[in-house]
C-alpha atoms as a PDB file:
ATOM      1  CA  MET A   1      -0.425   0.099   0.006  1.00  0.00           C
ATOM      2  CA  ASN A   2       1.379   3.344  -0.754  1.00  0.00           C
ATOM      3  CA  THR A   3       1.703   6.520   1.512  1.00  0.00           C
ATOM      4  CA  GLN A   4       0.077   9.568   0.025  1.00  0.00           C
ATOM      5  CA  THR A   5       2.599  12.099  -1.133  1.00  0.00           C
ATOM      6  CA  TYR A   6       2.263  15.872  -2.514  1.00  0.00           C
ATOM      7  CA  ALA A   7       3.343  18.141  -5.226  1.00  0.00           C
ATOM      8  CA  SER A   8       3.827  21.682  -3.697  1.00  0.00           C
ATOM      9  CA  GLU A   9       1.273  24.023  -3.712  1.00  0.00           C
ATOM     10  CA  ILE A  10       3.333  26.328  -5.693  1.00  0.00           C
ATOM     11  CA  GLU A  11       5.296  24.935  -9.115  1.00  0.00           C
ATOM     12  CA  ASN A  12       8.672  26.423  -8.560  1.00  0.00           C
ATOM     13  CA  PRO A  13       8.889  27.975  -4.829  1.00  0.00           C
ATOM     14  CA  ALA A  14      10.906  31.001  -4.284  1.00  0.00           C
ATOM     15  CA  THR A  15      11.362  30.140  -0.733  1.00  0.00           C
ATOM     16  CA  TYR A  16      10.384  27.827   1.812  1.00  0.00           C
ATOM     17  CA  SER A  17       7.799  30.655   3.569  1.00  0.00           C
ATOM     18  CA  ASP A  18       5.865  30.259   0.660  1.00  0.00           C
ATOM     19  CA  LEU A  19       5.015  26.866   1.198  1.00  0.00           C
ATOM     20  CA  ASN A  20       2.200  25.893   3.814  1.00  0.00           C
ATOM     21  CA  SER A  21       3.953  24.654   6.572  1.00  0.00           C
ATOM     22  CA  SER A  22       1.016  23.729   8.671  1.00  0.00           C
ATOM     23  CA  HIS A  23      -0.973  21.929   5.822  1.00  0.00           C
ATOM     24  CA  TYR A  24       2.037  19.878   5.813  1.00  0.00           C
ATOM     25  CA  ALA A  25       2.480  19.482   9.174  1.00  0.00           C
ATOM     26  CA  ASP A  26      -0.780  17.801   9.394  1.00  0.00           C
ATOM     27  CA  SER A  27       0.428  15.266   6.813  1.00  0.00           C
ATOM     28  CA  TYR A  28       3.828  14.726   8.385  1.00  0.00           C
ATOM     29  CA  ALA A  29       2.020  13.628  11.342  1.00  0.00           C
ATOM     30  CA  GLN A  30      -0.253  11.290  10.049  1.00  0.00           C
ATOM     31  CA  GLN A  31       2.503   9.442   7.915  1.00  0.00           C
ATOM     32  CA  ASP A  32       4.492   8.332  11.362  1.00  0.00           C
ATOM     33  CA  GLU A  33       6.798  11.495  11.018  1.00  0.00           C
ATOM     34  CA  PHE A  34       7.571  11.124   7.270  1.00  0.00           C
ATOM     35  CA  LEU A  35       6.976  13.761   4.401  1.00  0.00           C
ATOM     36  CA  PHE A  36       7.312  13.831   0.798  1.00  0.00           C
ATOM     37  CA  ILE A  37       7.134  16.971  -1.554  1.00  0.00           C
ATOM     38  CA  SER A  38       7.824  16.618  -5.225  1.00  0.00           C
ATOM     39  CA  LYS A  39       8.544  20.320  -6.002  1.00  0.00           C
ATOM     40  CA  PHE A  40      10.399  21.774  -2.782  1.00  0.00           C
ATOM     41  CA  LEU A  41      13.958  23.124  -3.586  1.00  0.00           C
ATOM     42  CA  PRO A  42      13.786  26.570  -5.152  1.00  0.00           C
ATOM     43  CA  PRO A  43      14.897  26.136  -8.658  1.00  0.00           C
ATOM     44  CA  THR A  44      17.925  29.182  -7.878  1.00  0.00           C
ATOM     45  CA  VAL A  45      19.368  26.670  -5.134  1.00  0.00           C
ATOM     46  CA  LEU A  46      18.997  23.188  -7.113  1.00  0.00           C
ATOM     47  CA  ASN A  47      20.757  24.878 -10.060  1.00  0.00           C
ATOM     48  CA  ALA A  48      23.668  26.366  -7.923  1.00  0.00           C
ATOM     49  CA  ILE A  49      24.111  23.287  -5.927  1.00  0.00           C
ATOM     50  CA  LYS A  50      24.142  20.978  -9.602  1.00  0.00           C
ATOM     51  CA  THR A  51      27.001  23.298 -11.073  1.00  0.00           C
ATOM     52  CA  ARG A  52      29.140  22.194  -8.375  1.00  0.00           C
ATOM     53  CA  LEU A  53      28.745  18.204  -8.874  1.00  0.00           C
ATOM     54  CA  PRO A  54      31.106  17.630 -11.528  1.00  0.00           C
ATOM     55  CA  GLY A  55      33.864  19.115  -9.841  1.00  0.00           C
ATOM     56  CA  LEU A  56      32.884  16.899  -6.658  1.00  0.00           C
ATOM     57  CA  ARG A  57      33.534  13.841  -8.327  1.00  0.00           C
ATOM     58  CA  GLU A  58      37.017  13.291  -7.439  1.00  0.00           C
ATOM     59  CA  SER A  59      36.032  13.690  -4.172  1.00  0.00           C
ATOM     60  CA  VAL A  60      33.744  10.882  -3.861  1.00  0.00           C
ATOM     61  CA  HIS A  61      34.760   7.932  -1.369  1.00  0.00           C
ATOM     62  CA  ARG A  62      33.555   4.381  -2.554  1.00  0.00           C
ATOM     63  CA  ASN A  63      32.470   1.899  -0.201  1.00  0.00           C
ATOM     64  CA  PHE A  64      31.073  -1.784  -0.507  1.00  0.00           C
ATOM     65  CA  ILE A  65      29.641  -3.420   2.493  1.00  0.00           C
ATOM     66  CA  PRO A  66      28.310  -7.149   1.008  1.00  0.00           C
ATOM     67  CA  ARG A  67      24.368  -7.596   1.146  1.00  0.00           C
ATOM     68  CA  HIS A  68      24.021  -4.216   2.793  1.00  0.00           C
ATOM     69  CA  LYS A  69      25.542  -1.008   0.980  1.00  0.00           C
ATOM     70  CA  LYS A  70      27.352  -0.272  -2.583  1.00  0.00           C
ATOM     71  CA  GLY A  71      28.062   3.597  -3.618  1.00  0.00           C
ATOM     72  CA  GLY A  72      29.692   6.468  -2.746  1.00  0.00           C
ATOM     73  CA  SER A  73      29.810   9.566  -0.446  1.00  0.00           C
ATOM     74  CA  ILE A  74      31.259  12.919   0.161  1.00  0.00           C
ATOM     75  CA  SER A  75      31.450  14.349   3.510  1.00  0.00           C
ATOM     76  CA  ARG A  76      30.430  17.841   5.149  1.00  0.00           C
ATOM     77  CA  HIS A  77      34.514  18.604   5.623  1.00  0.00           C
ATOM     78  CA  THR A  78      34.968  18.108   1.930  1.00  0.00           C
ATOM     79  CA  LEU A  79      31.872  20.122   0.925  1.00  0.00           C
ATOM     80  CA  ASP A  80      32.790  22.933   3.179  1.00  0.00           C
ATOM     81  CA  LYS A  81      35.819  23.226   0.706  1.00  0.00           C
ATOM     82  CA  LEU A  82      34.485  22.633  -2.464  1.00  0.00           C
ATOM     83  CA  ALA A  83      30.534  23.204  -2.266  1.00  0.00           C
ATOM     84  CA  PRO A  84      29.541  26.204  -0.176  1.00  0.00           C
ATOM     85  CA  GLU A  85      26.216  26.620  -1.408  1.00  0.00           C
ATOM     86  CA  ILE A  86      25.369  23.272   0.618  1.00  0.00           C
ATOM     87  CA  ALA A  87      26.671  24.511   3.835  1.00  0.00           C
ATOM     88  CA  ALA A  88      24.358  28.094   3.027  1.00  0.00           C
ATOM     89  CA  LEU A  89      21.347  25.689   2.536  1.00  0.00           C
ATOM     90  CA  TYR A  90      21.842  23.874   5.520  1.00  0.00           C
ATOM     91  CA  ASN A  91      22.260  26.638   7.569  1.00  0.00           C
ATOM     92  CA  ASP A  92      19.249  28.726   5.898  1.00  0.00           C
ATOM     93  CA  PRO A  93      17.287  30.318   8.742  1.00  0.00           C
ATOM     94  CA  ALA A  94      14.172  30.093   6.666  1.00  0.00           C
ATOM     95  CA  LEU A  95      14.496  26.606   5.857  1.00  0.00           C
ATOM     96  CA  ILE A  96      15.132  25.315   9.536  1.00  0.00           C
ATOM     97  CA  LYS A  97      12.197  27.309  10.781  1.00  0.00           C
ATOM     98  CA  TRP A  98       9.848  25.681   8.020  1.00  0.00           C
ATOM     99  CA  LEU A  99      11.212  22.237   9.294  1.00  0.00           C
ATOM    100  CA  GLU A 100      10.543  23.067  12.779  1.00  0.00           C
ATOM    101  CA  ALA A 101       7.096  24.155  11.796  1.00  0.00           C
ATOM    102  CA  VAL A 102       6.315  20.867  10.410  1.00  0.00           C
ATOM    103  CA  CYS A 103       7.876  18.725  12.597  1.00  0.00           C
ATOM    104  CA  GLY A 104       7.015  20.787  15.753  1.00  0.00           C
ATOM    105  CA  LYS A 105      10.334  20.475  17.361  1.00  0.00           C
ATOM    106  CA  GLN A 106      13.376  22.738  17.716  1.00  0.00           C
ATOM    107  CA  LEU A 107      15.858  21.756  15.680  1.00  0.00           C
ATOM    108  CA  GLN A 108      19.816  22.272  16.312  1.00  0.00           C
ATOM    109  CA  PRO A 109      22.297  21.613  13.174  1.00  0.00           C
ATOM    110  CA  SER A 110      24.585  18.723  13.920  1.00  0.00           C
ATOM    111  CA  PRO A 111      27.895  19.437  15.643  1.00  0.00           C
ATOM    112  CA  GLN A 112      31.038  20.683  13.147  1.00  0.00           C
ATOM    113  CA  ASP A 113      32.865  17.370  13.530  1.00  0.00           C
ATOM    114  CA  ASP A 114      29.666  15.247  12.341  1.00  0.00           C
ATOM    115  CA  PRO A 115      30.438  14.532   8.608  1.00  0.00           C
ATOM    116  CA  HIS A 116      26.823  13.303   8.050  1.00  0.00           C
ATOM    117  CA  ALA A 117      25.508  16.700   8.802  1.00  0.00           C
ATOM    118  CA  TYR A 118      25.298  17.164   5.544  1.00  0.00           C
ATOM    119  CA  ALA A 119      26.618  14.948   2.760  1.00  0.00           C
ATOM    120  CA  LEU A 120      26.128  13.903  -0.900  1.00  0.00           C
ATOM    121  CA  TYR A 121      25.328  10.332  -2.133  1.00  0.00           C
ATOM    122  CA  TYR A 122      26.375   9.289  -5.243  1.00  0.00           C
ATOM    123  CA  TYR A 123      24.979   6.185  -7.274  1.00  0.00           C
ATOM    124  CA  THR A 124      26.818   5.673 -10.311  1.00  0.00           C
ATOM    125  CA  GLU A 125      28.062   2.180 -10.935  1.00  0.00           C
ATOM    126  CA  ALA A 126      25.693  -0.512 -11.773  1.00  0.00           C
ATOM    127  CA  GLY A 127      24.201  -2.284  -8.387  1.00  0.00           C
ATOM    128  CA  ASP A 128      24.928   0.882  -6.231  1.00  0.00           C
ATOM    129  CA  HIS A 129      22.082   0.649  -3.467  1.00  0.00           C
ATOM    130  CA  ILE A 130      21.693   0.830   0.116  1.00  0.00           C
ATOM    131  CA  GLY A 131      19.699  -1.624   2.270  1.00  0.00           C
ATOM    132  CA  PHE A 132      16.730  -1.674   4.635  1.00  0.00           C
ATOM    133  CA  ASN A 133      17.834   0.702   7.464  1.00  0.00           C
ATOM    134  CA  TYR A 134      16.757   3.412   9.818  1.00  0.00           C
ATOM    135  CA  ASP A 135      18.852   6.438  10.406  1.00  0.00           C
ATOM    136  CA  THR A 136      19.373   5.980  13.788  1.00  0.00           C
ATOM    137  CA  SER A 137      20.024   8.684  16.239  1.00  0.00           C
ATOM    138  CA  TYR A 138      23.379   8.099  18.430  1.00  0.00           C
ATOM    139  CA  TYR A 139      22.421  11.566  20.003  1.00  0.00           C
ATOM    140  CA  ARG A 140      20.680  12.333  23.265  1.00  0.00           C
ATOM    141  CA  GLY A 141      18.093  14.050  20.993  1.00  0.00           C
ATOM    142  CA  GLU A 142      16.260  12.863  17.869  1.00  0.00           C
ATOM    143  CA  ARG A 143      17.629  13.002  14.517  1.00  0.00           C
ATOM    144  CA  PHE A 144      15.962  14.394  11.356  1.00  0.00           C
ATOM    145  CA  THR A 145      16.812  13.488   7.714  1.00  0.00           C
ATOM    146  CA  VAL A 146      15.902  15.851   5.183  1.00  0.00           C
ATOM    147  CA  LEU A 147      17.100  14.115   1.378  1.00  0.00           C
ATOM    148  CA  ILE A 148      16.546  16.041  -1.746  1.00  0.00           C
ATOM    149  CA  GLY A 149      17.270  15.066  -5.331  1.00  0.00           C
ATOM    150  CA  LEU A 150      19.755  16.744  -7.291  1.00  0.00           C
ATOM    151  CA  VAL A 151      20.233  14.027 -10.131  1.00  0.00           C
ATOM    152  CA  ASP A 152      17.826  11.324 -10.786  1.00  0.00           C
ATOM    153  CA  ASP A 153      18.518   9.474 -14.319  1.00  0.00           C
ATOM    154  CA  SER A 154      17.797   6.081 -12.770  1.00  0.00           C
ATOM    155  CA  SER A 155      15.281   3.204 -11.810  1.00  0.00           C
ATOM    156  CA  SER A 156      16.536   3.119  -8.485  1.00  0.00           C
ATOM    157  CA  ARG A 157      13.488   3.733  -5.874  1.00  0.00           C
ATOM    158  CA  LEU A 158      13.405   4.987  -2.292  1.00  0.00           C
ATOM    159  CA  GLU A 159      11.457   2.470  -0.588  1.00  0.00           C
ATOM    160  CA  TYR A 160      10.133   2.774   2.855  1.00  0.00           C
ATOM    161  CA  GLN A 161       7.927   1.751   5.661  1.00  0.00           C
ATOM    162  CA  LEU A 162       5.832   3.478   7.803  1.00  0.00           C
ATOM    163  CA  HIS A 163       4.622   2.635  11.344  1.00  0.00           C
ATOM    164  CA  ARG A 164       6.528  -0.286  11.274  1.00  0.00           C
ATOM    165  CA  ARG A 165       7.340   0.075  15.013  1.00  0.00           C
ATOM    166  CA  SER A 166       3.904   0.771  16.071  1.00  0.00           C
ATOM    167  CA  ARG A 167       1.644  -1.688  18.248  1.00  0.00           C
ATOM    168  CA  THR A 168      -1.454  -0.239  17.080  1.00  0.00           C
ATOM    169  CA  GLN A 169      -1.104   0.874  13.495  1.00  0.00           C
ATOM    170  CA  ALA A 170      -0.657  -1.401  10.466  1.00  0.00           C
ATOM    171  CA  THR A 171       2.426  -0.743   8.561  1.00  0.00           C
ATOM    172  CA  LEU A 172       2.276   0.973   5.082  1.00  0.00           C
ATOM    173  CA  SER A 173       4.687   0.488   2.302  1.00  0.00           C
ATOM    174  CA  GLY A 174       5.651   3.173  -0.258  1.00  0.00           C
ATOM    175  CA  SER A 175       8.433   3.674  -3.246  1.00  0.00           C
ATOM    176  CA  LEU A 176       9.429   7.040  -4.961  1.00  0.00           C
ATOM    177  CA  ALA A 177      11.647   8.446  -7.160  1.00  0.00           C
ATOM    178  CA  LEU A 178      13.897  11.479  -5.828  1.00  0.00           C
ATOM    179  CA  GLU A 179      13.720  13.670  -8.661  1.00  0.00           C
ATOM    180  CA  PRO A 180      15.535  16.872  -8.775  1.00  0.00           C
ATOM    181  CA  GLY A 181      13.982  19.008  -6.786  1.00  0.00           C
ATOM    182  CA  SER A 182      12.127  16.878  -4.378  1.00  0.00           C
ATOM    183  CA  MET A 183      12.336  16.465  -0.881  1.00  0.00           C
ATOM    184  CA  VAL A 184      11.973  13.603   1.870  1.00  0.00           C
ATOM    185  CA  PHE A 185      11.456  14.663   5.679  1.00  0.00           C
ATOM    186  CA  PHE A 186      11.430  12.288   8.411  1.00  0.00           C
ATOM    187  CA  ASN A 187      12.224  11.372  11.829  1.00  0.00           C
ATOM    188  CA  GLY A 188      15.260   8.980  11.557  1.00  0.00           C
ATOM    189  CA  ASP A 189      14.579   6.332  14.290  1.00  0.00           C
ATOM    190  CA  LYS A 190      11.314   5.651  12.509  1.00  0.00           C
ATOM    191  CA  LEU A 191      11.526   5.599   8.636  1.00  0.00           C
ATOM    192  CA  TYR A 192      12.734   2.077   7.894  1.00  0.00           C
ATOM    193  CA  HIS A 193      14.073   2.343   4.244  1.00  0.00           C
ATOM    194  CA  ARG A 194      15.958   1.374   1.419  1.00  0.00           C
ATOM    195  CA  VAL A 195      17.414   2.661  -2.080  1.00  0.00           C
ATOM    196  CA  THR A 196      16.742  -0.376  -4.805  1.00  0.00           C
ATOM    197  CA  PRO A 197      20.186  -1.064  -7.085  1.00  0.00           C
ATOM    198  CA  LEU A 198      21.305   1.232  -9.903  1.00  0.00           C
ATOM    199  CA  GLY A 199      20.849  -0.006 -13.218  1.00  0.00           C
ATOM    200  CA  GLU A 200      23.539  -0.055 -15.905  1.00  0.00           C
ATOM    201  CA  ASN A 201      24.455   3.492 -17.393  1.00  0.00           C
ATOM    202  CA  GLU A 202      22.038   4.917 -14.819  1.00  0.00           C
ATOM    203  CA  GLU A 203      22.943   7.776 -12.263  1.00  0.00           C
ATOM    204  CA  ARG A 204      21.297   9.143  -8.908  1.00  0.00           C
ATOM    205  CA  ILE A 205      22.798  11.823  -6.825  1.00  0.00           C
ATOM    206  CA  ALA A 206      20.994  13.012  -3.803  1.00  0.00           C
ATOM    207  CA  LEU A 207      21.791  15.296  -0.811  1.00  0.00           C
ATOM    208  CA  THR A 208      21.341  14.442   2.878  1.00  0.00           C
ATOM    209  CA  LEU A 209      20.811  17.053   5.658  1.00  0.00           C
ATOM    210  CA  GLU A 210      20.727  16.101   9.302  1.00  0.00           C
ATOM    211  CA  TYR A 211      19.391  17.965  12.306  1.00  0.00           C
ATOM    212  CA  VAL A 212      19.193  17.434  16.004  1.00  0.00           C
ATOM    213  CA  THR A 213      17.185  18.296  19.275  1.00  0.00           C
ATOM    214  CA  ASP A 214      20.268  17.748  21.389  1.00  0.00           C
ATOM    215  CA  PRO A 215      23.753  17.264  20.071  1.00  0.00           C
ATOM    216  CA  ARG A 216      25.141  15.893  23.165  1.00  0.00           C
ATOM    217  CA  MET A 217      26.693  12.279  22.402  1.00  0.00           C
ATOM    218  CA  HIS A 218      27.786   9.580  24.871  1.00  0.00           C
ATOM    219  CA  PRO A 219      31.686   8.787  24.337  1.00  0.00           C
ATOM    220  CA  TRP A 220      31.020   5.139  23.434  1.00  0.00           C
ATOM    221  CA  HIS A 221      28.082   6.145  21.252  1.00  0.00           C
ATOM    222  CA  ARG A 222      30.356   8.439  19.681  1.00  0.00           C
ATOM    223  CA  PHE A 223      32.850   5.905  19.024  1.00  0.00           C
ATOM    224  CA  ILE A 224      29.767   3.771  17.129  1.00  0.00           C
ATOM    225  CA  SER A 225      28.995   6.580  14.978  1.00  0.00           C
ATOM    226  CA  ASN A 226      32.590   7.369  14.125  1.00  0.00           C
ATOM    227  CA  MET A 227      33.204   3.537  13.237  1.00  0.00           C
ATOM    228  CA  LYS A 228      29.949   3.495  11.113  1.00  0.00           C
ATOM    229  CA  ASP A 229      30.537   6.862   9.286  1.00  0.00           C
ATOM    230  CA  ALA A 230      34.260   5.734   8.305  1.00  0.00           C
ATOM    231  CA  ILE A 231      33.587   2.229   7.278  1.00  0.00           C
ATOM    232  CA  ALA A 232      30.174   2.856   5.439  1.00  0.00           C
ATOM    233  CA  TYR A 233      30.492   6.145   4.198  1.00  0.00           C
ATOM    234  CA  PHE A 234      33.610   8.701   4.177  1.00  0.00           C
ATOM    235  CA  GLY A 235      36.799   6.899   5.531  1.00  0.00           C
ATOM    236  CA  PHE A 236      38.765   7.437   8.620  1.00  0.00           C
ATOM    237  CA  ASP A 237      40.291  10.593   7.684  1.00  0.00           C
ATOM    238  CA  GLN A 238      36.812  11.938   7.297  1.00  0.00           C
ATOM    239  CA  ALA A 239      35.215  10.834   9.960  1.00  0.00           C
ATOM    240  CA  ILE A 240      37.706  10.727  12.949  1.00  0.00           C
ATOM    241  CA  ARG A 241      37.977  14.248  13.537  1.00  0.00           C
ATOM    242  CA  PRO A 242      38.649  16.958  16.745  1.00  0.00           C
ATOM    243  CA  LYS A 243      35.444  18.085  18.282  1.00  0.00           C
ATOM    244  CA  ILE A 244      35.402  21.762  17.534  1.00  0.00           C
ATOM    245  CA  GLY A 245      32.163  22.859  18.757  1.00  0.00           C
ATOM    246  CA  ASN A 246      28.588  23.170  17.922  1.00  0.00           C
ATOM    247  CA  THR A 247      27.038  26.666  17.286  1.00  0.00           C
ATOM    248  CA  ARG A 248      24.194  27.554  14.606  1.00  0.00           C
ATOM    249  CA  GLN A 249      25.714  29.746  12.034  1.00  0.00           C
END
């Protein structure tokens, strides 16, 4: 059974305040803290980020975990140097305010030493995929994920299950294409999801933004998080860095 998804009320929103946050907040709550909007990112922002993509290819860190994951990633540390438009989007007060209105929580940026605060996922080789998983929060607070489509010349789909951990509601399954400018917003501990394998001569590039309600983390959870990011995403040089603070820019 597919969940309901939405096109934006405005074909090409110039800013997030153009989108009725209260309308989407109702849908987000009904769908177990999940929302998909097919036309979300303003075209000027989308195009500015897409112009950076060709120059970023040499920075992609590829990884392969049998039976779970195959693909490439670029961490926020590299993006800070080569694609400042992404950091600007992540810290955009208008975007954060809109997301807070939808989820009903006060959101904070992930700590500056978190390579997953914002990152790019490159699916460029046949078979690139990620298996079913949660975006587990190792922070003391909740972690919220924003996925934004940048390039989608592929047959890959984001498949997901809602209410999977509920004792009172039936699990609902859905599937969608993350087309350029589209957005998925969800609570990382609630959405069970995967990306189906890429076909031959296909390409899919997505941007992820991660916000938290409490950026504190137990040292043991920090170790687990670092190992996960080092092995499954960015490599040890990007995932293991000294803590340099956490302030909203």
